[in-house]
Amino acid sequence: MSRSGYTDDGDNLAMWRGMVASATRGRRGQRFFRDLVGALDEMPNKRLIAKELRREDGEVCAIGALGVARGVDLSKIDPECPDQVAPAFDIAECLAQEVVYMNDESFDCHWDKRTGKSIQYTPEERWQKMREWAAKQIRVTPEQAGAKELPDNGT
């Protein structure tokens, strides 16, 4: 099993995806993603690691980047335990697992159609992919869009 805690059994997948979506759309999730994008943008070296929150050399994963920006003592958090990661960042456990999965596994490697081989993403590519993904999770409210209310879709 990975640091995210995800497995391949697929039991209750629809319910799980719904929980992640709800946690992402919620107030705490939206604050988390806004802060995460800001923390990633502020990194002097735009590179992310996998499997750890922070290494001794200062390299971090996405959640580790936010922890550094917020002044969280990452040495007191077991990166393998979503029940420790989630409260430290004020997010739901399922959302902590999703972010770790994206950082560690989804953006770990990609298939090169030209060569027919799996190719590891570089730390810089992992940063770019995580930055893009995190930004896509942010929802714009009607107030932020300048609208007074949501449009009537005829329903």
Protein backbone atom coordinates (compact mmCIF):
# COMPACT_ATOMS: atom_id res chain seq x y z
CA MET A 1 0.00 0.00 0.00
CA SER A 2 1.13 3.54 -0.68
CA ARG A 3 1.43 6.61 1.51
CA SER A 4 -2.02 7.68 0.28
CA GLY A 5 -3.61 4.55 1.74
CA TYR A 6 -5.39 3.88 -1.55
CA THR A 7 -5.84 0.26 -2.62
CA ASP A 8 -6.82 -1.43 -5.86
CA ASP A 9 -9.91 -3.21 -4.51
CA GLY A 10 -12.34 -0.53 -5.77
CA ASP A 11 -14.97 -1.20 -3.11
CA ASN A 12 -17.36 1.73 -2.70
CA LEU A 13 -15.43 3.75 -5.28
CA ALA A 14 -18.40 5.95 -6.19
CA MET A 15 -19.02 6.81 -2.54
CA TRP A 16 -15.31 7.51 -2.02
CA ARG A 17 -15.11 9.80 -5.07
CA GLY A 18 -18.18 11.65 -3.76
CA MET A 19 -16.50 12.17 -0.38
CA VAL A 20 -13.37 13.53 -2.05
CA ALA A 21 -15.43 15.82 -4.28
CA SER A 22 -17.38 17.13 -1.30
CA ALA A 23 -14.21 17.71 0.72
CA THR A 24 -12.66 19.52 -2.26
CA ARG A 25 -15.67 21.79 -2.79
CA GLY A 26 -16.10 22.62 0.89
CA ARG A 27 -14.81 25.71 2.67
CA ARG A 28 -11.81 23.93 4.22
CA GLY A 29 -10.91 22.20 0.96
CA GLN A 30 -11.08 25.39 -1.04
CA ARG A 31 -8.93 27.23 1.51
CA PHE A 32 -6.45 24.35 1.39
CA PHE A 33 -6.18 24.45 -2.42
CA ARG A 34 -5.86 28.23 -2.55
CA ASP A 35 -3.10 28.09 0.06
CA LEU A 36 -1.46 25.13 -1.68
CA VAL A 37 -1.27 26.95 -5.02
CA GLY A 38 0.16 29.99 -3.25
CA ALA A 39 2.75 27.87 -1.42
CA LEU A 40 3.78 26.14 -4.65
CA ASP A 41 4.12 29.48 -6.41
CA GLU A 42 6.31 30.83 -3.60
CA MET A 43 8.76 27.91 -3.70
CA PRO A 44 12.20 29.16 -4.72
CA ASN A 45 12.97 25.83 -6.42
CA LYS A 46 9.93 24.56 -8.27
CA ARG A 47 10.44 20.85 -7.58
CA LEU A 48 8.51 18.27 -5.60
CA ILE A 49 9.47 14.92 -4.11
CA ALA A 50 7.34 11.86 -3.45
CA LYS A 51 6.94 9.54 -0.47
CA GLU A 52 7.92 12.11 2.20
CA LEU A 53 6.64 15.43 3.50
CA ARG A 54 10.13 16.92 3.79
CA ARG A 55 13.62 15.52 3.45
CA GLU A 56 16.64 16.63 5.43
CA ASP A 57 17.92 18.53 2.39
CA GLY A 58 14.74 20.68 2.48
CA GLU A 59 13.02 19.12 -0.55
CA VAL A 60 9.24 18.73 -0.03
CA CYS A 61 6.14 17.14 -1.49
CA ALA A 62 3.12 19.32 -2.29
CA ILE A 63 1.62 19.08 1.19
CA GLY A 64 5.09 19.61 2.64
CA ALA A 65 5.39 22.85 0.64
CA LEU A 66 2.19 24.10 2.26
CA GLY A 67 3.43 22.96 5.67
CA VAL A 68 6.62 24.96 5.25
CA ALA A 69 4.63 28.02 4.12
CA ARG A 70 2.31 27.72 7.15
CA GLY A 71 5.11 27.00 9.60
CA VAL A 72 3.87 23.48 10.43
CA ASP A 73 6.39 21.25 12.24
CA LEU A 74 6.45 18.47 9.65
CA SER A 75 8.78 16.33 11.76
CA LYS A 76 5.87 15.60 14.10
CA ILE A 77 3.62 14.24 11.31
CA ASP A 78 3.88 10.68 10.03
CA PRO A 79 3.51 11.08 6.25
CA GLU A 80 2.09 7.54 6.08
CA CYS A 81 -0.87 8.43 8.34
CA PRO A 82 -3.68 10.45 6.77
CA ASP A 83 -5.21 10.75 10.25
CA GLN A 84 -2.18 12.86 11.22
CA VAL A 85 -1.79 14.75 7.93
CA ALA A 86 -5.44 15.80 7.63
CA PRO A 87 -5.86 17.61 10.97
CA ALA A 88 -2.48 19.31 10.60
CA PHE A 89 -3.81 20.96 7.42
CA ASP A 90 -7.47 21.24 8.49
CA ILE A 91 -8.79 19.01 5.70
CA ALA A 92 -10.75 15.77 5.52
CA GLU A 93 -8.72 12.54 5.61
CA CYS A 94 -10.02 11.53 2.18
CA LEU A 95 -8.73 14.81 0.74
CA ALA A 96 -5.33 14.33 2.35
CA GLN A 97 -5.20 10.86 0.77
CA GLU A 98 -6.20 12.25 -2.63
CA VAL A 99 -3.51 14.94 -2.60
CA VAL A 100 -0.86 12.42 -1.54
CA TYR A 101 -2.01 10.03 -4.28
CA MET A 102 -1.76 12.75 -6.91
CA ASN A 103 1.69 13.82 -5.71
CA ASP A 104 3.19 10.36 -5.24
CA GLU A 105 1.49 8.14 -7.79
CA SER A 106 -0.52 10.01 -10.38
CA PHE A 107 2.36 12.30 -11.26
CA ASP A 108 5.09 9.72 -10.71
CA CYS A 109 5.51 8.58 -14.29
CA HIS A 110 3.83 8.66 -17.68
CA TRP A 111 3.66 6.41 -20.71
CA ASP A 112 5.72 7.48 -23.70
CA LYS A 113 3.78 6.34 -26.78
CA ARG A 114 6.78 6.93 -28.99
CA THR A 115 9.13 4.60 -27.11
CA GLY A 116 6.52 2.36 -25.49
CA LYS A 117 8.13 2.87 -22.08
CA SER A 118 7.16 4.32 -18.74
CA ILE A 119 9.11 7.49 -18.01
CA GLN A 120 9.57 9.03 -14.55
CA TYR A 121 8.53 12.62 -14.14
CA THR A 122 11.31 14.90 -12.98
CA PRO A 123 10.79 16.80 -9.69
CA GLU A 124 10.21 19.92 -11.80
CA GLU A 125 7.55 18.16 -13.90
CA ARG A 126 5.90 16.83 -10.73
CA TRP A 127 5.75 20.44 -9.43
CA GLN A 128 4.15 21.63 -12.69
CA LYS A 129 1.58 18.81 -12.74
CA MET A 130 0.66 19.30 -9.09
CA ARG A 131 0.39 23.08 -9.54
CA GLU A 132 -1.93 22.63 -12.52
CA TRP A 133 -4.05 20.01 -10.76
CA ALA A 134 -4.34 22.02 -7.53
CA ALA A 135 -5.36 25.16 -9.43
CA LYS A 136 -8.11 23.19 -11.23
CA GLN A 137 -9.61 22.25 -7.87
CA ILE A 138 -10.33 25.87 -6.97
CA ARG A 139 -13.93 26.91 -7.55
CA VAL A 140 -14.85 30.48 -8.37
CA THR A 141 -17.79 31.82 -6.38
CA PRO A 142 -20.39 34.12 -8.00
CA GLU A 143 -18.98 37.00 -5.92
CA GLN A 144 -15.47 36.36 -7.23
CA ALA A 145 -16.77 36.21 -10.78
CA GLY A 146 -18.53 39.55 -10.33
CA ALA A 147 -22.03 38.07 -10.62
CA LYS A 148 -24.76 39.01 -8.19
CA GLU A 149 -26.38 35.59 -8.42
CA LEU A 150 -26.09 32.37 -10.33
CA PRO A 151 -27.59 32.44 -13.83
CA ASP A 152 -31.02 30.87 -14.34
CA ASN A 153 -30.54 27.80 -16.47
CA GLY A 154 -34.23 27.46 -17.14
CA THR A 155 -34.80 24.86 -14.46
